[in-house]
Amino acid sequence: MGKLFVWIGIIGLAWTLPAWAGFSYVNRCGGGEGPHPLINFSQDFPAKWIETEASVQDFSFSEKRDELLYRTTSNNVKAYYHSDGSKAEMGYSRYPLSQVIDEDLGLLAAQGFPAYSDFDPFGWKVFNVRPTRGGYQNLFWEKGTLYSLKRRSSDHYDIYQYRKGAASSQPHCWTSNLYPAEGHAYPYVYYYGQESDYYGIHLVVYTVDVRSCQIVHELEFGEPLAGRLQEVHVFPSLKAVAVKVDHPETNLLWYQSVQGCAYYNLNATPNSGSRLMVLNHENSLLGSFSLRDGLSLIDFSAQSRTRVPAFLQAKAMRGAYLTRDGRRLYLNPEANGEGPHPLLELTLPSH
């Protein structure tokens, strides 16, 4: 397979790069047989509804503070404290909340907008990004510096750097012929590229270090994908990648350095069209959701799928977050019927 042509550089300087020595896991995924079977069972989990007075648009969770922030349909932001179940009024927001948090300094970034807030007191500070057009995505914080992606064209994404208190975010690195994946964690930003040949679409996942603006690792999927590419997620601490494609059965390709490549079926019943739900990019427990199947949790270490009982089914799932220890799962289900849709907290067993 021929190499993809990739440009990456610091602003004002560009070069092409080959595969680089990087992380300790192997840099080639040779295949992906399957779908491998998942053992199906149902399990009751201790569940608690978090009464939110109004339906929730989005939420964010601080691990260090054990604090959940949520934004209601009236754009009010409130805090929920797991330790004693108390709540507090935080402020007003027209911006969505994100999971991009500086835990040490207590800073929160908006989802899809150049804005950030302190946890206490809450209030957005908006900064400039030039040019103003194009998609925008906050990636991660590092000691009060916020890194973001700005789309310049369909396959050109610039990495921007913003220091707390400045008026504007500054361009830092740029790429072309690549598309952003998900799962970024300082100092690495993850991209993917695709190449077509007679056999199908081949995928390569690239790791860019924002300290040097260089590709430090690439993972090449030697066999063509089983369907049209939909999502690419990187799990850095697990040395793993999840690839969602639009095949009715072989629709989730899971690669992990200790296991290799294998396809799985997100659907608990045939052709139910389940949506992949990444609960935490530091945990291999994934979720799937469809109107027909409801919510399932997939544990690759046990090769199993846990069907969450029917009373937790909803007509949509608008957000999910698994705590870093894997013990609590927060969900934002949109239930059938009238009235507000509260958040749901599930307590999971150790796995």
Protein backbone atom coordinates (compact mmCIF):
# COMPACT_ATOMS: atom_id res chain seq x y z
CA MET A 1 0.00 0.00 0.00
CA GLY A 2 1.38 3.41 -0.91
CA LYS A 3 1.94 5.95 1.82
CA LEU A 4 -0.46 8.83 2.31
CA PHE A 5 1.03 12.23 1.49
CA VAL A 6 0.95 14.25 4.70
CA TRP A 7 1.96 17.82 5.42
CA ILE A 8 2.47 19.04 8.95
CA GLY A 9 4.46 21.85 10.46
CA ILE A 10 4.84 24.84 12.68
CA ILE A 11 3.15 27.88 11.18
CA GLY A 12 5.36 29.17 8.41
CA LEU A 13 7.25 25.88 7.96
CA ALA A 14 6.09 22.59 6.45
CA TRP A 15 7.62 19.23 5.64
CA THR A 16 6.70 15.65 4.85
CA LEU A 17 7.36 12.92 7.37
CA PRO A 18 7.68 9.13 7.24
CA ALA A 19 6.63 6.78 10.03
CA TRP A 20 8.37 7.76 13.26
CA ALA A 21 9.43 5.68 16.23
CA GLY A 22 6.88 6.47 18.89
CA PHE A 23 4.80 4.65 21.48
CA SER A 24 5.72 1.13 22.48
CA TYR A 25 2.84 -0.61 20.69
CA VAL A 26 3.24 -1.98 17.17
CA ASN A 27 2.58 0.33 14.24
CA ARG A 28 0.55 -1.96 12.02
CA CYS A 29 -2.88 -3.56 12.30
CA GLY A 30 -2.73 -6.44 9.86
CA GLY A 31 -6.35 -7.51 9.71
CA GLY A 32 -9.69 -7.58 11.41
CA GLU A 33 -11.57 -10.85 11.26
CA GLY A 34 -15.03 -11.05 12.70
CA PRO A 35 -17.45 -10.09 13.90
CA HIS A 36 -16.23 -11.81 17.05
CA PRO A 37 -19.08 -12.86 19.35
CA LEU A 38 -19.91 -10.95 22.51
CA ILE A 39 -21.51 -12.81 25.41
CA ASN A 40 -24.90 -11.16 25.96
CA PHE A 41 -26.47 -10.78 29.40
CA SER A 42 -28.59 -8.28 31.27
CA GLN A 43 -27.76 -6.82 34.64
CA ASP A 44 -29.47 -4.46 37.06
CA PHE A 45 -27.33 -1.54 38.16
CA PRO A 46 -28.01 0.69 41.14
CA ALA A 47 -29.52 3.78 39.53
CA LYS A 48 -30.29 7.26 40.80
CA TRP A 49 -32.12 10.02 38.97
CA ILE A 50 -30.56 13.44 39.52
CA GLU A 51 -33.50 15.83 39.59
CA THR A 52 -32.53 18.81 37.46
CA GLU A 53 -35.76 20.90 37.54
CA ALA A 54 -35.56 21.20 33.74
CA SER A 55 -34.26 19.07 30.87
CA VAL A 56 -30.48 19.03 30.45
CA GLN A 57 -28.80 20.16 27.23
CA ASP A 58 -25.25 19.12 28.14
CA PHE A 59 -23.06 18.41 31.15
CA SER A 60 -19.45 18.13 32.26
CA PHE A 61 -17.79 16.22 35.09
CA SER A 62 -14.74 17.25 37.15
CA GLU A 63 -12.86 14.23 38.49
CA LYS A 64 -10.79 16.19 40.99
CA ARG A 65 -13.79 18.00 42.47
CA ASP A 66 -16.22 15.07 42.08
CA GLU A 67 -18.55 17.72 40.72
CA LEU A 68 -21.03 17.55 37.84
CA LEU A 69 -21.98 20.73 35.99
CA TYR A 70 -25.10 20.70 33.84
CA ARG A 71 -26.83 23.25 31.59
CA THR A 72 -30.60 23.19 31.39
CA THR A 73 -32.85 24.10 28.46
CA SER A 74 -33.25 27.54 30.05
CA ASN A 75 -29.42 27.94 29.83
CA ASN A 76 -28.97 27.89 33.60
CA VAL A 77 -25.79 26.15 34.80
CA LYS A 78 -25.94 24.21 38.04
CA ALA A 79 -23.53 22.05 40.00
CA TYR A 80 -24.31 18.66 41.52
CA TYR A 81 -22.01 17.29 44.25
CA HIS A 82 -21.91 13.50 44.41
CA SER A 83 -20.60 13.38 47.99
CA ASP A 84 -23.79 14.73 49.61
CA GLY A 85 -26.24 15.11 46.71
CA SER A 86 -26.43 18.88 47.08
CA LYS A 87 -26.79 21.37 44.22
CA ALA A 88 -25.68 24.94 43.63
CA GLU A 89 -26.52 27.68 41.13
CA MET A 90 -23.49 28.51 38.97
CA GLY A 91 -24.65 31.00 36.35
CA TYR A 92 -26.06 31.43 32.86
CA SER A 93 -24.62 30.09 29.61
CA ARG A 94 -25.52 30.13 25.94
CA TYR A 95 -22.41 28.04 25.24
CA PRO A 96 -22.43 24.24 25.57
CA LEU A 97 -20.30 22.70 28.31
CA SER A 98 -17.43 20.39 27.32
CA GLN A 99 -15.27 17.78 29.03
CA VAL A 100 -12.12 19.84 28.32
CA ILE A 101 -11.09 20.68 31.89
CA ASP A 102 -7.89 21.88 33.56
CA GLU A 103 -8.36 19.98 36.82
CA ASP A 104 -5.42 21.64 38.61
CA LEU A 105 -6.47 25.22 37.85
CA GLY A 106 -10.24 24.60 37.77
CA LEU A 107 -10.82 25.78 34.20
CA LEU A 108 -13.56 24.63 31.81
CA ALA A 109 -13.68 25.15 28.02
CA ALA A 110 -16.85 25.63 25.99
CA GLN A 111 -17.85 23.01 23.43
CA GLY A 112 -17.20 24.30 19.91
CA PHE A 113 -16.56 27.95 20.87
CA PRO A 114 -13.45 29.99 21.82
CA ALA A 115 -14.45 30.56 25.44
CA TYR A 116 -13.45 29.30 28.89
CA SER A 117 -14.57 29.72 32.47
CA ASP A 118 -13.27 29.24 35.96
CA PHE A 119 -15.25 26.75 38.01
CA ASP A 120 -15.53 29.33 40.77
CA PRO A 121 -16.82 31.87 39.98
CA PHE A 122 -18.45 30.61 36.78
CA GLY A 123 -18.56 33.01 33.83
CA TRP A 124 -17.35 32.71 30.25
CA LYS A 125 -14.34 34.64 28.98
CA VAL A 126 -14.43 34.84 25.18
CA PHE A 127 -11.25 35.20 23.11
CA ASN A 128 -10.54 35.75 19.42
CA VAL A 129 -9.52 33.15 16.84
CA ARG A 130 -8.54 34.25 13.33
CA PRO A 131 -9.74 33.56 10.75
CA THR A 132 -13.24 33.61 12.25
CA ARG A 133 -14.83 31.10 9.85
CA GLY A 134 -14.51 27.32 9.98
CA GLY A 135 -15.13 24.63 12.56
CA TYR A 136 -13.58 25.01 16.02
CA GLN A 137 -12.86 22.37 18.66
CA ASN A 138 -11.17 22.68 22.07
CA LEU A 139 -8.79 19.76 22.73
CA PHE A 140 -7.12 19.93 26.15
CA TRP A 141 -5.50 22.18 28.75
CA GLU A 142 -1.92 22.12 29.93
CA LYS A 143 -1.03 24.39 32.88
CA GLY A 144 -3.42 27.15 31.89
CA THR A 145 -2.79 26.84 28.15
CA LEU A 146 -5.69 25.69 25.99
CA TYR A 147 -5.02 23.82 22.73
CA SER A 148 -7.68 23.83 20.02
CA LEU A 149 -8.31 22.73 16.44
CA LYS A 150 -9.50 25.16 13.78
CA ARG A 151 -10.67 23.90 10.38
CA ARG A 152 -9.16 25.87 7.51
CA SER A 153 -10.66 23.71 4.75
CA SER A 154 -12.14 20.23 4.39
CA ASP A 155 -8.83 18.46 5.17
CA HIS A 156 -6.72 21.29 6.67
CA TYR A 157 -6.84 21.68 10.46
CA ASP A 158 -4.67 24.11 12.40
CA ILE A 159 -3.71 23.63 16.06
CA TYR A 160 -4.15 26.86 18.05
CA GLN A 161 -2.71 27.76 21.44
CA TYR A 162 -4.39 30.07 23.95
CA ARG A 163 -2.91 31.24 27.24
CA LYS A 164 -5.34 32.19 30.00
CA GLY A 165 -5.95 35.93 30.10
CA ALA A 166 -4.84 36.66 26.53
CA ALA A 167 -7.13 38.38 24.02
CA SER A 168 -6.54 35.94 21.18
CA SER A 169 -5.57 32.37 20.44
CA GLN A 170 -2.46 31.95 18.29
CA PRO A 171 -1.79 29.44 15.48
CA HIS A 172 0.72 26.83 16.57
CA CYS A 173 0.87 23.87 14.11
CA TRP A 174 -0.88 23.08 10.84
CA THR A 175 -1.69 19.97 8.84
CA SER A 176 -3.13 19.02 5.49
CA ASN A 177 -4.59 15.83 4.00
CA LEU A 178 -5.56 14.67 7.50
CA TYR A 179 -8.75 14.63 9.57
CA PRO A 180 -9.02 14.85 13.38
CA ALA A 181 -9.86 11.72 15.35
CA GLU A 182 -11.18 11.75 18.96
CA GLY A 183 -9.42 11.05 22.27
CA HIS A 184 -6.79 13.81 22.28
CA ALA A 185 -4.73 14.11 25.47
CA TYR A 186 -1.77 16.41 26.09
CA PRO A 187 0.69 16.45 24.41
CA TYR A 188 -0.84 14.37 21.60
CA VAL A 189 -3.40 15.24 18.93
CA TYR A 190 -4.71 12.34 16.84
CA TYR A 191 -5.50 12.44 13.13
CA TYR A 192 -6.39 9.91 10.48
CA GLY A 193 -5.92 9.62 6.74
CA GLN A 194 -7.56 7.40 4.15
CA GLU A 195 -6.26 5.87 0.96
CA SER A 196 -8.32 4.08 -1.68
CA ASP A 197 -7.09 1.22 -3.83
CA TYR A 198 -8.57 -1.70 -5.73
CA TYR A 199 -9.34 -3.56 -2.48
CA GLY A 200 -11.03 -0.74 -0.57
CA ILE A 201 -10.30 2.04 1.93
CA HIS A 202 -7.19 1.82 4.09
CA LEU A 203 -6.85 3.78 7.34
CA VAL A 204 -3.76 5.29 8.97
CA VAL A 205 -3.91 6.93 12.41
CA TYR A 206 -1.28 9.58 13.15
CA THR A 207 -0.05 10.98 16.47
CA VAL A 208 1.13 14.62 16.47
CA ASP A 209 3.09 16.02 19.42
CA VAL A 210 2.10 19.66 20.00
CA ARG A 211 5.46 20.37 21.64
CA SER A 212 7.29 19.77 18.37
CA CYS A 213 4.46 19.78 15.80
CA GLN A 214 5.81 16.48 14.48
CA ILE A 215 4.25 13.11 13.78
CA VAL A 216 5.72 10.79 16.40
CA HIS A 217 3.78 7.63 15.59
CA GLU A 218 1.53 6.14 12.96
CA LEU A 219 -0.69 3.08 13.07
CA GLU A 220 -1.41 1.56 9.68
CA PHE A 221 -4.45 -0.65 9.10
CA GLY A 222 -3.16 -2.99 6.40
CA GLU A 223 -6.49 -4.55 5.48
CA PRO A 224 -9.26 -2.43 3.91
CA LEU A 225 -12.09 -1.35 6.19
CA ALA A 226 -15.30 -3.39 6.12
CA GLY A 227 -17.44 -0.33 5.37
CA ARG A 228 -17.50 3.43 5.04
CA LEU A 229 -15.55 5.13 7.83
CA GLN A 230 -17.69 6.95 10.39
CA GLU A 231 -15.63 7.51 13.56
CA VAL A 232 -12.06 7.06 14.80
CA HIS A 233 -11.35 7.06 18.55
CA VAL A 234 -7.92 6.74 20.19
CA PHE A 235 -7.50 5.45 23.76
CA PRO A 236 -3.95 6.60 24.64
CA SER A 237 -3.54 4.94 28.04
CA LEU A 238 -4.85 1.64 26.63
CA LYS A 239 -2.78 1.83 23.44
CA ALA A 240 -6.01 1.14 21.57
CA VAL A 241 -8.09 2.47 18.68
CA ALA A 242 -11.81 2.01 17.94
CA VAL A 243 -13.03 2.47 14.37
CA LYS A 244 -16.77 2.70 13.56
CA VAL A 245 -17.85 1.77 10.01
CA ASP A 246 -21.26 1.47 8.36
CA HIS A 247 -21.46 -2.31 8.00
CA PRO A 248 -24.59 -4.09 9.37
CA GLU A 249 -22.49 -6.60 11.37
CA THR A 250 -18.75 -5.87 11.26
CA ASN A 251 -19.23 -2.27 12.32
CA LEU A 252 -16.73 -1.76 15.16
CA LEU A 253 -13.02 -2.49 14.64
CA TRP A 254 -11.15 -2.62 17.96
CA TYR A 255 -7.35 -2.58 17.95
CA GLN A 256 -5.26 -2.98 21.09
CA SER A 257 -1.54 -3.70 21.17
CA VAL A 258 -1.91 -6.79 23.37
CA GLN A 259 -4.83 -8.21 21.38
CA GLY A 260 -4.38 -7.12 17.77
CA CYS A 261 -7.36 -6.31 15.51
CA ALA A 262 -10.88 -7.71 15.59
CA TYR A 263 -14.34 -6.67 14.40
CA TYR A 264 -17.40 -6.66 16.65
CA ASN A 265 -21.08 -5.93 16.16
CA LEU A 266 -22.50 -2.97 18.07
CA ASN A 267 -26.05 -4.22 17.44
CA ALA A 268 -27.54 -6.43 20.16
CA THR A 269 -30.25 -7.44 17.66
CA PRO A 270 -29.85 -7.68 13.86
CA ASN A 271 -29.66 -4.37 12.00
CA SER A 272 -30.79 -2.24 14.93
CA GLY A 273 -28.50 0.62 13.93
CA SER A 274 -26.81 1.09 17.29
CA ARG A 275 -24.75 4.23 17.84
CA LEU A 276 -21.29 4.01 19.37
CA MET A 277 -20.98 5.79 22.73
CA VAL A 278 -17.43 6.41 23.97
CA LEU A 279 -17.83 6.86 27.70
CA ASN A 280 -14.24 7.77 28.60
CA HIS A 281 -11.15 7.62 26.37
CA GLU A 282 -9.19 6.21 29.33
CA ASN A 283 -11.46 3.17 29.72
CA SER A 284 -12.21 0.24 27.39
CA LEU A 285 -15.86 0.03 28.50
CA LEU A 286 -17.86 1.33 25.53
CA GLY A 287 -21.57 1.91 25.10
CA SER A 288 -24.03 1.35 22.26
CA PHE A 289 -27.51 2.79 21.96
CA SER A 290 -30.46 2.33 19.59
CA LEU A 291 -34.20 2.79 19.83
CA ARG A 292 -34.68 -0.96 19.41
CA ASP A 293 -31.93 -2.25 21.72
CA GLY A 294 -31.80 0.56 24.25
CA LEU A 295 -28.49 0.90 26.08
CA SER A 296 -25.75 -1.73 26.16
CA LEU A 297 -22.27 -1.66 27.72
CA ILE A 298 -19.49 -3.52 25.90
CA ASP A 299 -16.49 -4.81 27.86
CA PHE A 300 -13.71 -5.96 25.53
CA SER A 301 -11.63 -7.43 28.38
CA ALA A 302 -14.46 -9.88 29.16
CA GLN A 303 -15.74 -10.17 25.56
CA SER A 304 -19.22 -9.39 26.86
CA ARG A 305 -22.18 -7.08 26.32
CA THR A 306 -24.39 -6.03 29.22
CA ARG A 307 -27.94 -5.04 28.25
CA VAL A 308 -29.18 -2.32 30.57
CA PRO A 309 -32.78 -3.06 31.64
CA ALA A 310 -35.68 -1.75 29.56
CA PHE A 311 -36.71 0.98 31.99
CA LEU A 312 -33.53 2.82 31.07
CA GLN A 313 -34.44 2.93 27.39
CA ALA A 314 -35.00 6.34 25.84
CA LYS A 315 -35.78 7.86 22.47
CA ALA A 316 -32.33 9.51 22.44
CA MET A 317 -29.12 9.62 24.47
CA ARG A 318 -27.70 13.13 24.46
CA GLY A 319 -24.58 12.59 26.55
CA ALA A 320 -22.65 10.04 28.61
CA TYR A 321 -19.59 10.11 30.87
CA LEU A 322 -17.87 7.29 32.75
CA THR A 323 -15.75 8.31 35.72
CA ARG A 324 -12.06 7.50 35.46
CA ASP A 325 -12.31 4.67 37.99
CA GLY A 326 -15.05 3.03 35.89
CA ARG A 327 -17.53 2.96 38.79
CA ARG A 328 -20.09 5.66 37.93
CA LEU A 329 -21.80 6.32 34.61
CA TYR A 330 -23.68 9.58 34.05
CA LEU A 331 -26.28 9.62 31.26
CA ASN A 332 -28.44 12.32 29.69
CA PRO A 333 -31.38 10.33 28.28
CA GLU A 334 -34.26 11.92 26.43
CA ALA A 335 -37.19 9.84 27.58
CA ASN A 336 -40.54 9.34 25.92
CA GLY A 337 -43.33 11.39 27.40
CA GLU A 338 -43.75 14.89 28.77
CA GLY A 339 -41.90 16.69 31.50
CA PRO A 340 -38.21 17.35 32.20
CA HIS A 341 -35.60 14.70 31.50
CA PRO A 342 -33.29 14.39 34.53
CA LEU A 343 -29.75 13.05 34.49
CA LEU A 344 -29.15 9.44 35.48
CA GLU A 345 -26.32 8.08 37.61
CA LEU A 346 -25.55 4.33 37.36
CA THR A 347 -23.17 2.56 39.74
CA LEU A 348 -21.16 -0.10 37.92
CA PRO A 349 -19.30 -3.09 39.36
CA SER A 350 -15.53 -3.23 39.19
CA HIS A 351 -14.29 -4.68 35.92
